[in-house]
Amino acid sequence: MILRRRVLIGLGAVALTAGAYAAGTYRATMVSAKAQISGRSSLIPTRAGPLEYAVAGRGTPVMMIHGTGGGFDQGLLFANGLREAGFQIVAPSRFGYLRSAFPDDASPAHQADALVDMLDHLGLDRVAVAGGSAGALTAAEFALRYPDRCTHLVLIVPAANLTGRDPVAFTAPQRLVVDRVLESDAWFWAFATLATDVLLRTLLATDPALLAKVSPAERARATLIRAGLMPISQKTLGLRNDGVWAGSPTSTPFEGITVPTQILSCADDLFGTADTARRLARRIPGARLTVYPEGGHIWLGHDADFTRDIRDFIMGTARP
């Protein structure tokens, strides 16, 4: 009995210690996540309400529109190579993300209108526009609605329903888990900490096995993308909105896009954006298409390739 009591007391102490460690680690993660976005962005009024954005670098302006689970910080991360290559990056937070408003009309088209207000505020007449994942819909709408303000359009792993079937449809149990995880920073932190590979495969649609094949710099980039999903509670409205617009059959008339367009994807993207990219390339007049054999939804191992492709396309030095 004494031995049993000691074992139980020991297990209890271990559980308390583990719980305290987890709580401390969670708090540290939240502090770090909030520090990554605090003071790095500006807020302006637009026709749709407050819009958050950040500007980095100097040179030819590129507006980088982030994907699902992002914000201005993800846009800056996606465009880091372009900034280093001599471009000025303008990175907004889309509707429902971080400090940007979530208006009644949170469509990609209305988001494009708000982005024009941002460009007017910044004094930028024309910019190249790039959109990643669900942000590609907003980028396409911008090019359609404001071709005189858009020099080039780049669609990166574009998430769109072009076939009448949601390419990212979840089963009922999966939806239940995802909804629960998105409700709470603590739940999401636990999921991201205890099931890192599952998060990479499900929310970022990338095979975790690729991590062993890429450079340390690319593994670090994957870590930054995962960490950048926090604080998830400040992105829930945007995430759910993306699920609606990217999952529903799109009415965007891609055939009407007249600006030079480049589309990039990876064949093993678990969200099926390679097929979407090929369909878009057939619908957008003169679109340039590149599909890499692997890399998943975050183009793991190909960030330098994507940077080169986009740089050459915008600067007019890409090979036909």
C-alpha atoms as a PDB file:
ATOM      1  CA  MET A   1       0.000   0.000   0.000  1.00  0.00           C
ATOM      2  CA  ILE A   2       2.824   2.373   0.858  1.00  0.00           C
ATOM      3  CA  LEU A   3       4.570   1.617  -2.430  1.00  0.00           C
ATOM      4  CA  ARG A   4       1.329   2.083  -4.352  1.00  0.00           C
ATOM      5  CA  ARG A   5       0.684   5.369  -2.585  1.00  0.00           C
ATOM      6  CA  ARG A   6       4.171   6.585  -3.451  1.00  0.00           C
ATOM      7  CA  VAL A   7       3.698   5.615  -7.098  1.00  0.00           C
ATOM      8  CA  LEU A   8       0.390   7.463  -7.270  1.00  0.00           C
ATOM      9  CA  ILE A   9       1.890  10.502  -5.578  1.00  0.00           C
ATOM     10  CA  GLY A  10       4.807  10.370  -8.024  1.00  0.00           C
ATOM     11  CA  LEU A  11       2.499  10.118 -11.021  1.00  0.00           C
ATOM     12  CA  GLY A  12       0.438  12.997  -9.690  1.00  0.00           C
ATOM     13  CA  ALA A  13       3.546  15.112  -9.302  1.00  0.00           C
ATOM     14  CA  VAL A  14       4.614  14.275 -12.846  1.00  0.00           C
ATOM     15  CA  ALA A  15       1.164  15.198 -14.152  1.00  0.00           C
ATOM     16  CA  LEU A  16       1.189  18.493 -12.272  1.00  0.00           C
ATOM     17  CA  THR A  17       4.678  19.263 -13.502  1.00  0.00           C
ATOM     18  CA  ALA A  18       3.734  18.399 -17.094  1.00  0.00           C
ATOM     19  CA  GLY A  19       0.604  20.502 -16.819  1.00  0.00           C
ATOM     20  CA  ALA A  20       2.543  23.456 -15.439  1.00  0.00           C
ATOM     21  CA  TYR A  21       5.174  23.057 -18.163  1.00  0.00           C
ATOM     22  CA  ALA A  22       2.494  22.907 -20.866  1.00  0.00           C
ATOM     23  CA  ALA A  23       0.745  25.976 -19.483  1.00  0.00           C
ATOM     24  CA  GLY A  24       4.014  27.862 -19.345  1.00  0.00           C
ATOM     25  CA  THR A  25       4.965  26.804 -22.859  1.00  0.00           C
ATOM     26  CA  TYR A  26       1.542  27.809 -24.175  1.00  0.00           C
ATOM     27  CA  ARG A  27       1.818  31.241 -22.572  1.00  0.00           C
ATOM     28  CA  ALA A  28       5.313  31.687 -24.007  1.00  0.00           C
ATOM     29  CA  THR A  29       4.067  30.689 -27.459  1.00  0.00           C
ATOM     30  CA  MET A  30       1.233  33.204 -27.297  1.00  0.00           C
ATOM     31  CA  VAL A  31       3.556  35.972 -26.156  1.00  0.00           C
ATOM     32  CA  SER A  32       5.927  35.182 -29.020  1.00  0.00           C
ATOM     33  CA  ALA A  33       3.109  34.992 -31.592  1.00  0.00           C
ATOM     34  CA  LYS A  34       1.677  38.334 -30.556  1.00  0.00           C
ATOM     35  CA  ALA A  35       5.144  39.898 -30.507  1.00  0.00           C
ATOM     36  CA  GLN A  36       5.621  38.832 -34.139  1.00  0.00           C
ATOM     37  CA  ILE A  37       2.672  40.970 -35.271  1.00  0.00           C
ATOM     38  CA  SER A  38       2.676  43.764 -32.701  1.00  0.00           C
ATOM     39  CA  GLY A  39       3.830  47.127 -34.020  1.00  0.00           C
ATOM     40  CA  ARG A  40       4.669  45.831 -37.490  1.00  0.00           C
ATOM     41  CA  SER A  41       1.526  46.976 -39.289  1.00  0.00           C
ATOM     42  CA  SER A  42      -0.625  50.043 -39.881  1.00  0.00           C
ATOM     43  CA  LEU A  43      -4.398  50.473 -39.866  1.00  0.00           C
ATOM     44  CA  ILE A  44      -6.379  52.700 -42.243  1.00  0.00           C
ATOM     45  CA  PRO A  45     -10.095  53.295 -42.908  1.00  0.00           C
ATOM     46  CA  THR A  46     -11.531  51.914 -46.160  1.00  0.00           C
ATOM     47  CA  ARG A  47     -14.989  51.613 -47.696  1.00  0.00           C
ATOM     48  CA  ALA A  48     -15.236  48.195 -45.971  1.00  0.00           C
ATOM     49  CA  GLY A  49     -13.951  49.293 -42.574  1.00  0.00           C
ATOM     50  CA  PRO A  50     -10.471  49.215 -41.028  1.00  0.00           C
ATOM     51  CA  LEU A  51      -7.772  47.526 -43.110  1.00  0.00           C
ATOM     52  CA  GLU A  52      -4.428  46.379 -41.743  1.00  0.00           C
ATOM     53  CA  TYR A  53      -1.302  46.347 -43.868  1.00  0.00           C
ATOM     54  CA  ALA A  54       2.491  46.424 -43.740  1.00  0.00           C
ATOM     55  CA  VAL A  55       5.119  47.629 -46.199  1.00  0.00           C
ATOM     56  CA  ALA A  56       8.664  46.275 -46.452  1.00  0.00           C
ATOM     57  CA  GLY A  57      11.576  46.927 -48.788  1.00  0.00           C
ATOM     58  CA  ARG A  58      12.119  49.311 -51.691  1.00  0.00           C
ATOM     59  CA  GLY A  59      11.790  48.967 -55.419  1.00  0.00           C
ATOM     60  CA  THR A  60       9.057  47.828 -57.815  1.00  0.00           C
ATOM     61  CA  PRO A  61       5.896  47.409 -55.700  1.00  0.00           C
ATOM     62  CA  VAL A  62       4.299  43.990 -55.307  1.00  0.00           C
ATOM     63  CA  MET A  63       1.096  43.496 -53.338  1.00  0.00           C
ATOM     64  CA  MET A  64       1.260  40.065 -51.705  1.00  0.00           C
ATOM     65  CA  ILE A  65      -2.148  38.777 -50.592  1.00  0.00           C
ATOM     66  CA  HIS A  66      -1.861  36.078 -47.948  1.00  0.00           C
ATOM     67  CA  GLY A  67      -3.538  32.691 -47.826  1.00  0.00           C
ATOM     68  CA  THR A  68      -5.789  30.923 -45.338  1.00  0.00           C
ATOM     69  CA  GLY A  69      -4.641  31.220 -41.739  1.00  0.00           C
ATOM     70  CA  GLY A  70      -2.370  34.134 -42.496  1.00  0.00           C
ATOM     71  CA  GLY A  71      -2.383  37.896 -42.192  1.00  0.00           C
ATOM     72  CA  PHE A  72      -0.016  40.651 -43.253  1.00  0.00           C
ATOM     73  CA  ASP A  73       2.809  38.722 -41.565  1.00  0.00           C
ATOM     74  CA  GLN A  74       2.257  35.675 -43.763  1.00  0.00           C
ATOM     75  CA  GLY A  75       2.232  37.933 -46.811  1.00  0.00           C
ATOM     76  CA  LEU A  76       5.605  39.352 -45.785  1.00  0.00           C
ATOM     77  CA  LEU A  77       6.955  35.838 -45.220  1.00  0.00           C
ATOM     78  CA  PHE A  78       5.711  34.597 -48.606  1.00  0.00           C
ATOM     79  CA  ALA A  79       7.363  37.581 -50.291  1.00  0.00           C
ATOM     80  CA  ASN A  80      10.582  37.638 -48.281  1.00  0.00           C
ATOM     81  CA  GLY A  81      12.641  36.425 -51.236  1.00  0.00           C
ATOM     82  CA  LEU A  82      11.134  39.115 -53.461  1.00  0.00           C
ATOM     83  CA  ARG A  83      11.944  41.787 -50.887  1.00  0.00           C
ATOM     84  CA  GLU A  84      15.538  40.575 -50.821  1.00  0.00           C
ATOM     85  CA  ALA A  85      15.550  40.657 -54.631  1.00  0.00           C
ATOM     86  CA  GLY A  86      14.779  44.377 -54.621  1.00  0.00           C
ATOM     87  CA  PHE A  87      10.984  44.646 -54.572  1.00  0.00           C
ATOM     88  CA  GLN A  88       8.792  46.688 -52.257  1.00  0.00           C
ATOM     89  CA  ILE A  89       6.233  44.423 -50.604  1.00  0.00           C
ATOM     90  CA  VAL A  90       2.771  45.655 -49.643  1.00  0.00           C
ATOM     91  CA  ALA A  91       1.070  43.026 -47.478  1.00  0.00           C
ATOM     92  CA  PRO A  92      -2.542  43.511 -46.325  1.00  0.00           C
ATOM     93  CA  SER A  93      -4.520  41.421 -43.864  1.00  0.00           C
ATOM     94  CA  ARG A  94      -7.688  40.231 -45.602  1.00  0.00           C
ATOM     95  CA  PHE A  95     -11.194  40.473 -44.153  1.00  0.00           C
ATOM     96  CA  GLY A  96     -11.485  38.688 -40.792  1.00  0.00           C
ATOM     97  CA  TYR A  97      -7.749  38.395 -40.245  1.00  0.00           C
ATOM     98  CA  LEU A  98      -5.964  40.091 -37.349  1.00  0.00           C
ATOM     99  CA  ARG A  99      -7.024  43.758 -37.201  1.00  0.00           C
ATOM    100  CA  SER A 100      -8.827  44.009 -40.536  1.00  0.00           C
ATOM    101  CA  ALA A 101     -12.605  44.409 -40.555  1.00  0.00           C
ATOM    102  CA  PHE A 102     -15.087  41.673 -41.347  1.00  0.00           C
ATOM    103  CA  PRO A 103     -17.905  43.419 -43.248  1.00  0.00           C
ATOM    104  CA  ASP A 104     -21.257  41.923 -44.183  1.00  0.00           C
ATOM    105  CA  ASP A 105     -19.970  41.546 -47.733  1.00  0.00           C
ATOM    106  CA  ALA A 106     -16.685  39.716 -47.192  1.00  0.00           C
ATOM    107  CA  SER A 107     -16.379  38.525 -50.791  1.00  0.00           C
ATOM    108  CA  PRO A 108     -13.074  38.514 -52.680  1.00  0.00           C
ATOM    109  CA  ALA A 109     -14.498  41.196 -54.996  1.00  0.00           C
ATOM    110  CA  HIS A 110     -15.323  43.544 -52.104  1.00  0.00           C
ATOM    111  CA  GLN A 111     -11.891  42.826 -50.631  1.00  0.00           C
ATOM    112  CA  ALA A 112     -10.349  43.926 -53.932  1.00  0.00           C
ATOM    113  CA  ASP A 113     -12.233  47.231 -53.660  1.00  0.00           C
ATOM    114  CA  ALA A 114     -10.820  47.811 -50.167  1.00  0.00           C
ATOM    115  CA  LEU A 115      -7.309  47.108 -51.429  1.00  0.00           C
ATOM    116  CA  VAL A 116      -7.665  49.939 -53.944  1.00  0.00           C
ATOM    117  CA  ASP A 117      -8.344  52.265 -50.998  1.00  0.00           C
ATOM    118  CA  MET A 118      -5.098  51.030 -49.446  1.00  0.00           C
ATOM    119  CA  LEU A 119      -3.125  51.696 -52.641  1.00  0.00           C
ATOM    120  CA  ASP A 120      -4.636  55.175 -52.863  1.00  0.00           C
ATOM    121  CA  HIS A 121      -3.561  55.826 -49.278  1.00  0.00           C
ATOM    122  CA  LEU A 122      -0.020  54.694 -50.114  1.00  0.00           C
ATOM    123  CA  GLY A 123       0.095  56.724 -53.322  1.00  0.00           C
ATOM    124  CA  LEU A 124       0.672  53.653 -55.498  1.00  0.00           C
ATOM    125  CA  ASP A 125      -0.931  53.905 -58.931  1.00  0.00           C
ATOM    126  CA  ARG A 126       0.011  50.468 -60.293  1.00  0.00           C
ATOM    127  CA  VAL A 127       1.397  47.342 -58.645  1.00  0.00           C
ATOM    128  CA  ALA A 128       2.061  43.721 -59.439  1.00  0.00           C
ATOM    129  CA  VAL A 129      -0.437  41.599 -57.499  1.00  0.00           C
ATOM    130  CA  ALA A 130       0.248  38.128 -56.110  1.00  0.00           C
ATOM    131  CA  GLY A 131      -2.202  35.990 -54.165  1.00  0.00           C
ATOM    132  CA  GLY A 132      -1.503  32.728 -52.386  1.00  0.00           C
ATOM    133  CA  SER A 133      -4.004  29.926 -51.725  1.00  0.00           C
ATOM    134  CA  ALA A 134      -7.416  31.477 -50.899  1.00  0.00           C
ATOM    135  CA  GLY A 135      -5.843  34.898 -51.442  1.00  0.00           C
ATOM    136  CA  ALA A 136      -5.593  34.060 -55.135  1.00  0.00           C
ATOM    137  CA  LEU A 137      -9.333  34.712 -55.499  1.00  0.00           C
ATOM    138  CA  THR A 138      -8.907  38.272 -54.218  1.00  0.00           C
ATOM    139  CA  ALA A 139      -5.883  38.776 -56.477  1.00  0.00           C
ATOM    140  CA  ALA A 140      -7.870  37.604 -59.514  1.00  0.00           C
ATOM    141  CA  GLU A 141     -10.791  39.883 -58.634  1.00  0.00           C
ATOM    142  CA  PHE A 142      -8.390  42.808 -58.293  1.00  0.00           C
ATOM    143  CA  ALA A 143      -6.986  42.172 -61.772  1.00  0.00           C
ATOM    144  CA  LEU A 144     -10.511  41.897 -63.204  1.00  0.00           C
ATOM    145  CA  ARG A 145     -11.925  44.989 -61.523  1.00  0.00           C
ATOM    146  CA  TYR A 146      -8.867  47.238 -61.684  1.00  0.00           C
ATOM    147  CA  PRO A 147      -6.698  46.250 -64.676  1.00  0.00           C
ATOM    148  CA  ASP A 148      -5.368  49.811 -64.856  1.00  0.00           C
ATOM    149  CA  ARG A 149      -3.944  49.401 -61.332  1.00  0.00           C
ATOM    150  CA  CYS A 150      -2.454  45.932 -61.895  1.00  0.00           C
ATOM    151  CA  THR A 151       0.729  45.442 -63.934  1.00  0.00           C
ATOM    152  CA  HIS A 152       1.020  41.671 -63.413  1.00  0.00           C
ATOM    153  CA  LEU A 153      -1.034  38.947 -61.731  1.00  0.00           C
ATOM    154  CA  VAL A 154       0.546  35.975 -59.964  1.00  0.00           C
ATOM    155  CA  LEU A 155      -1.625  33.152 -58.608  1.00  0.00           C
ATOM    156  CA  ILE A 156       0.285  30.927 -56.169  1.00  0.00           C
ATOM    157  CA  VAL A 157      -1.154  27.481 -55.286  1.00  0.00           C
ATOM    158  CA  PRO A 158      -4.604  28.951 -56.077  1.00  0.00           C
ATOM    159  CA  ALA A 159      -7.491  27.628 -53.987  1.00  0.00           C
ATOM    160  CA  ALA A 160     -10.734  27.809 -55.963  1.00  0.00           C
ATOM    161  CA  ASN A 161     -13.670  25.562 -56.769  1.00  0.00           C
ATOM    162  CA  LEU A 162     -13.738  25.399 -60.568  1.00  0.00           C
ATOM    163  CA  THR A 163     -15.465  22.025 -60.915  1.00  0.00           C
ATOM    164  CA  GLY A 164     -18.464  22.300 -58.581  1.00  0.00           C
ATOM    165  CA  ARG A 165     -16.675  20.118 -56.031  1.00  0.00           C
ATOM    166  CA  ASP A 166     -14.925  21.549 -52.972  1.00  0.00           C
ATOM    167  CA  PRO A 167     -11.253  20.519 -53.364  1.00  0.00           C
ATOM    168  CA  VAL A 168     -10.745  20.765 -49.590  1.00  0.00           C
ATOM    169  CA  ALA A 169     -13.908  19.056 -48.387  1.00  0.00           C
ATOM    170  CA  PHE A 170     -13.679  17.513 -44.904  1.00  0.00           C
ATOM    171  CA  THR A 171     -15.586  14.531 -43.582  1.00  0.00           C
ATOM    172  CA  ALA A 172     -18.019  15.198 -40.715  1.00  0.00           C
ATOM    173  CA  PRO A 173     -15.552  13.971 -38.042  1.00  0.00           C
ATOM    174  CA  GLN A 174     -12.744  16.025 -39.590  1.00  0.00           C
ATOM    175  CA  ARG A 175     -14.973  19.099 -39.681  1.00  0.00           C
ATOM    176  CA  LEU A 176     -15.864  18.605 -36.010  1.00  0.00           C
ATOM    177  CA  VAL A 177     -12.188  18.481 -35.046  1.00  0.00           C
ATOM    178  CA  VAL A 178     -11.256  21.462 -37.214  1.00  0.00           C
ATOM    179  CA  ASP A 179     -14.115  23.558 -35.846  1.00  0.00           C
ATOM    180  CA  ARG A 180     -13.098  22.746 -32.281  1.00  0.00           C
ATOM    181  CA  VAL A 181      -9.448  23.540 -32.933  1.00  0.00           C
ATOM    182  CA  LEU A 182     -10.317  26.882 -34.538  1.00  0.00           C
ATOM    183  CA  GLU A 183     -12.394  27.945 -31.535  1.00  0.00           C
ATOM    184  CA  SER A 184      -9.507  28.361 -29.140  1.00  0.00           C
ATOM    185  CA  ASP A 185      -5.852  29.367 -29.120  1.00  0.00           C
ATOM    186  CA  ALA A 186      -5.234  26.754 -26.427  1.00  0.00           C
ATOM    187  CA  TRP A 187      -6.851  23.961 -28.452  1.00  0.00           C
ATOM    188  CA  PHE A 188      -4.958  24.988 -31.566  1.00  0.00           C
ATOM    189  CA  TRP A 189      -1.663  25.207 -29.658  1.00  0.00           C
ATOM    190  CA  ALA A 190      -2.196  21.689 -28.284  1.00  0.00           C
ATOM    191  CA  PHE A 191      -2.983  20.388 -31.770  1.00  0.00           C
ATOM    192  CA  ALA A 192       0.026  22.135 -33.315  1.00  0.00           C
ATOM    193  CA  THR A 193       2.315  20.909 -30.523  1.00  0.00           C
ATOM    194  CA  LEU A 194       1.160  17.302 -30.226  1.00  0.00           C
ATOM    195  CA  ALA A 195       0.318  16.636 -33.872  1.00  0.00           C
ATOM    196  CA  THR A 196       2.787  18.713 -35.881  1.00  0.00           C
ATOM    197  CA  ASP A 197       2.793  16.355 -38.855  1.00  0.00           C
ATOM    198  CA  VAL A 198      -1.003  16.158 -38.867  1.00  0.00           C
ATOM    199  CA  LEU A 199      -1.200  19.962 -38.938  1.00  0.00           C
ATOM    200  CA  LEU A 200       1.253  20.128 -41.829  1.00  0.00           C
ATOM    201  CA  ARG A 201      -0.710  17.515 -43.769  1.00  0.00           C
ATOM    202  CA  THR A 202      -4.229  18.803 -43.043  1.00  0.00           C
ATOM    203  CA  LEU A 203      -4.152  22.580 -42.641  1.00  0.00           C
ATOM    204  CA  LEU A 204      -1.068  23.191 -44.817  1.00  0.00           C
ATOM    205  CA  ALA A 205      -1.707  20.317 -47.267  1.00  0.00           C
ATOM    206  CA  THR A 206       1.941  19.289 -47.410  1.00  0.00           C
ATOM    207  CA  ASP A 207       3.441  15.826 -46.951  1.00  0.00           C
ATOM    208  CA  PRO A 208       5.562  15.897 -43.744  1.00  0.00           C
ATOM    209  CA  ALA A 209       8.028  13.486 -45.412  1.00  0.00           C
ATOM    210  CA  LEU A 210       9.233  16.406 -47.528  1.00  0.00           C
ATOM    211  CA  LEU A 211      10.836  17.976 -44.456  1.00  0.00           C
ATOM    212  CA  ALA A 212      13.584  15.358 -44.562  1.00  0.00           C
ATOM    213  CA  LYS A 213      14.374  16.202 -48.201  1.00  0.00           C
ATOM    214  CA  VAL A 214      14.731  19.976 -48.031  1.00  0.00           C
ATOM    215  CA  SER A 215      17.385  22.355 -46.746  1.00  0.00           C
ATOM    216  CA  PRO A 216      17.511  23.609 -43.143  1.00  0.00           C
ATOM    217  CA  ALA A 217      16.410  27.016 -44.432  1.00  0.00           C
ATOM    218  CA  GLU A 218      13.285  25.496 -45.975  1.00  0.00           C
ATOM    219  CA  ARG A 219      12.519  23.539 -42.802  1.00  0.00           C
ATOM    220  CA  ALA A 220      12.839  26.808 -40.891  1.00  0.00           C
ATOM    221  CA  ARG A 221      10.422  28.444 -43.327  1.00  0.00           C
ATOM    222  CA  ALA A 222       7.894  25.662 -42.732  1.00  0.00           C
ATOM    223  CA  THR A 223       8.246  26.231 -38.993  1.00  0.00           C
ATOM    224  CA  LEU A 224       7.639  29.960 -39.449  1.00  0.00           C
ATOM    225  CA  ILE A 225       4.510  29.283 -41.510  1.00  0.00           C
ATOM    226  CA  ARG A 226       3.158  26.919 -38.846  1.00  0.00           C
ATOM    227  CA  ALA A 227       3.996  29.336 -36.038  1.00  0.00           C
ATOM    228  CA  GLY A 228       2.413  32.169 -37.998  1.00  0.00           C
ATOM    229  CA  LEU A 229      -1.002  30.532 -37.735  1.00  0.00           C
ATOM    230  CA  MET A 230      -1.088  31.731 -34.131  1.00  0.00           C
ATOM    231  CA  PRO A 231      -2.979  33.481 -32.614  1.00  0.00           C
ATOM    232  CA  ILE A 232      -5.707  31.522 -34.388  1.00  0.00           C
ATOM    233  CA  SER A 233      -8.476  33.287 -32.450  1.00  0.00           C
ATOM    234  CA  GLN A 234      -7.706  36.509 -34.356  1.00  0.00           C
ATOM    235  CA  LYS A 235      -8.145  34.715 -37.680  1.00  0.00           C
ATOM    236  CA  THR A 236     -11.219  32.547 -37.143  1.00  0.00           C
ATOM    237  CA  LEU A 237     -13.629  34.758 -39.094  1.00  0.00           C
ATOM    238  CA  GLY A 238     -11.216  34.913 -42.008  1.00  0.00           C
ATOM    239  CA  LEU A 239     -10.631  31.166 -41.951  1.00  0.00           C
ATOM    240  CA  ARG A 240     -14.336  30.392 -42.035  1.00  0.00           C
ATOM    241  CA  ASN A 241     -14.889  32.973 -44.769  1.00  0.00           C
ATOM    242  CA  ASP A 242     -12.139  31.391 -46.880  1.00  0.00           C
ATOM    243  CA  GLY A 243     -13.802  28.026 -46.455  1.00  0.00           C
ATOM    244  CA  VAL A 244     -16.995  29.450 -47.935  1.00  0.00           C
ATOM    245  CA  TRP A 245     -15.475  31.294 -50.891  1.00  0.00           C
ATOM    246  CA  ALA A 246     -12.774  28.772 -51.811  1.00  0.00           C
ATOM    247  CA  GLY A 247     -15.118  25.821 -51.280  1.00  0.00           C
ATOM    248  CA  SER A 248     -18.157  27.141 -53.158  1.00  0.00           C
ATOM    249  CA  PRO A 249     -18.290  27.083 -56.966  1.00  0.00           C
ATOM    250  CA  THR A 250     -16.690  30.339 -58.055  1.00  0.00           C
ATOM    251  CA  SER A 251     -18.432  32.824 -60.303  1.00  0.00           C
ATOM    252  CA  THR A 252     -15.255  34.799 -61.011  1.00  0.00           C
ATOM    253  CA  PRO A 253     -15.025  35.296 -64.806  1.00  0.00           C
ATOM    254  CA  PHE A 254     -11.356  34.399 -65.158  1.00  0.00           C
ATOM    255  CA  GLU A 255     -11.645  34.592 -68.939  1.00  0.00           C
ATOM    256  CA  GLY A 256     -11.951  38.376 -68.564  1.00  0.00           C
ATOM    257  CA  ILE A 257      -8.500  38.848 -67.022  1.00  0.00           C
ATOM    258  CA  THR A 258      -6.412  40.943 -69.395  1.00  0.00           C
ATOM    259  CA  VAL A 259      -3.204  41.577 -67.437  1.00  0.00           C
ATOM    260  CA  PRO A 260      -0.158  39.298 -67.835  1.00  0.00           C
ATOM    261  CA  THR A 261      -0.709  36.297 -65.563  1.00  0.00           C
ATOM    262  CA  GLN A 262       1.541  33.662 -64.038  1.00  0.00           C
ATOM    263  CA  ILE A 263       0.282  30.617 -62.132  1.00  0.00           C
ATOM    264  CA  LEU A 264       2.470  28.493 -59.840  1.00  0.00           C
ATOM    265  CA  SER A 265       1.700  25.256 -58.022  1.00  0.00           C
ATOM    266  CA  CYS A 266       3.074  21.857 -56.955  1.00  0.00           C
ATOM    267  CA  ALA A 267       1.752  18.545 -58.249  1.00  0.00           C
ATOM    268  CA  ASP A 268       1.576  16.983 -54.775  1.00  0.00           C
ATOM    269  CA  ASP A 269      -0.366  19.832 -53.140  1.00  0.00           C
ATOM    270  CA  LEU A 270      -2.922  17.939 -51.044  1.00  0.00           C
ATOM    271  CA  PHE A 271      -5.471  20.705 -51.700  1.00  0.00           C
ATOM    272  CA  GLY A 272      -5.341  19.828 -55.391  1.00  0.00           C
ATOM    273  CA  THR A 273      -4.217  23.259 -56.546  1.00  0.00           C
ATOM    274  CA  ALA A 274      -2.173  21.790 -59.412  1.00  0.00           C
ATOM    275  CA  ASP A 275      -5.403  20.781 -61.149  1.00  0.00           C
ATOM    276  CA  THR A 276      -6.908  24.170 -60.316  1.00  0.00           C
ATOM    277  CA  ALA A 277      -3.814  25.884 -61.720  1.00  0.00           C
ATOM    278  CA  ARG A 278      -4.075  23.962 -64.994  1.00  0.00           C
ATOM    279  CA  ARG A 279      -7.767  24.809 -65.332  1.00  0.00           C
ATOM    280  CA  LEU A 280      -7.075  28.474 -64.640  1.00  0.00           C
ATOM    281  CA  ALA A 281      -4.270  28.510 -67.213  1.00  0.00           C
ATOM    282  CA  ARG A 282      -6.757  27.316 -69.827  1.00  0.00           C
ATOM    283  CA  ARG A 283      -9.279  30.006 -68.853  1.00  0.00           C
ATOM    284  CA  ILE A 284      -7.033  33.053 -68.435  1.00  0.00           C
ATOM    285  CA  PRO A 285      -5.802  34.329 -71.832  1.00  0.00           C
ATOM    286  CA  GLY A 286      -2.051  33.927 -72.250  1.00  0.00           C
ATOM    287  CA  ALA A 287      -1.456  32.706 -68.700  1.00  0.00           C
ATOM    288  CA  ARG A 288       1.977  31.256 -67.946  1.00  0.00           C
ATOM    289  CA  LEU A 289       1.860  28.007 -65.917  1.00  0.00           C
ATOM    290  CA  THR A 290       4.549  26.265 -63.868  1.00  0.00           C
ATOM    291  CA  VAL A 291       3.830  23.156 -61.786  1.00  0.00           C
ATOM    292  CA  TYR A 292       6.685  21.687 -59.749  1.00  0.00           C
ATOM    293  CA  PRO A 293       6.595  17.923 -59.084  1.00  0.00           C
ATOM    294  CA  GLU A 294       6.602  18.252 -55.298  1.00  0.00           C
ATOM    295  CA  GLY A 295       6.507  20.831 -52.545  1.00  0.00           C
ATOM    296  CA  GLY A 296       2.949  20.651 -51.260  1.00  0.00           C
ATOM    297  CA  HIS A 297       0.754  23.651 -50.547  1.00  0.00           C
ATOM    298  CA  ILE A 298       3.640  25.670 -49.061  1.00  0.00           C
ATOM    299  CA  TRP A 299       5.940  24.845 -52.022  1.00  0.00           C
ATOM    300  CA  LEU A 300       8.444  23.282 -49.632  1.00  0.00           C
ATOM    301  CA  GLY A 301      11.899  23.163 -51.201  1.00  0.00           C
ATOM    302  CA  HIS A 302      10.938  25.585 -53.968  1.00  0.00           C
ATOM    303  CA  ASP A 303      10.779  29.001 -52.333  1.00  0.00           C
ATOM    304  CA  ALA A 304      13.864  30.141 -54.247  1.00  0.00           C
ATOM    305  CA  ASP A 305      12.335  28.783 -57.476  1.00  0.00           C
ATOM    306  CA  PHE A 306       9.047  30.589 -56.880  1.00  0.00           C
ATOM    307  CA  THR A 307      10.925  33.806 -56.078  1.00  0.00           C
ATOM    308  CA  ARG A 308      12.960  33.520 -59.278  1.00  0.00           C
ATOM    309  CA  ASP A 309       9.904  32.714 -61.381  1.00  0.00           C
ATOM    310  CA  ILE A 310       7.926  35.673 -60.018  1.00  0.00           C
ATOM    311  CA  ARG A 311      10.892  38.071 -60.223  1.00  0.00           C
ATOM    312  CA  ASP A 312      11.640  37.177 -63.833  1.00  0.00           C
ATOM    313  CA  PHE A 313       7.964  37.349 -64.788  1.00  0.00           C
ATOM    314  CA  ILE A 314       7.439  40.806 -63.306  1.00  0.00           C
ATOM    315  CA  MET A 315      10.711  42.169 -64.675  1.00  0.00           C
ATOM    316  CA  GLY A 316       9.979  40.766 -68.122  1.00  0.00           C
ATOM    317  CA  THR A 317      12.966  38.443 -68.253  1.00  0.00           C
ATOM    318  CA  ALA A 318      11.137  35.113 -67.997  1.00  0.00           C
ATOM    319  CA  ARG A 319      11.607  32.663 -70.820  1.00  0.00           C
ATOM    320  CA  PRO A 320       8.441  31.965 -72.877  1.00  0.00           C
END
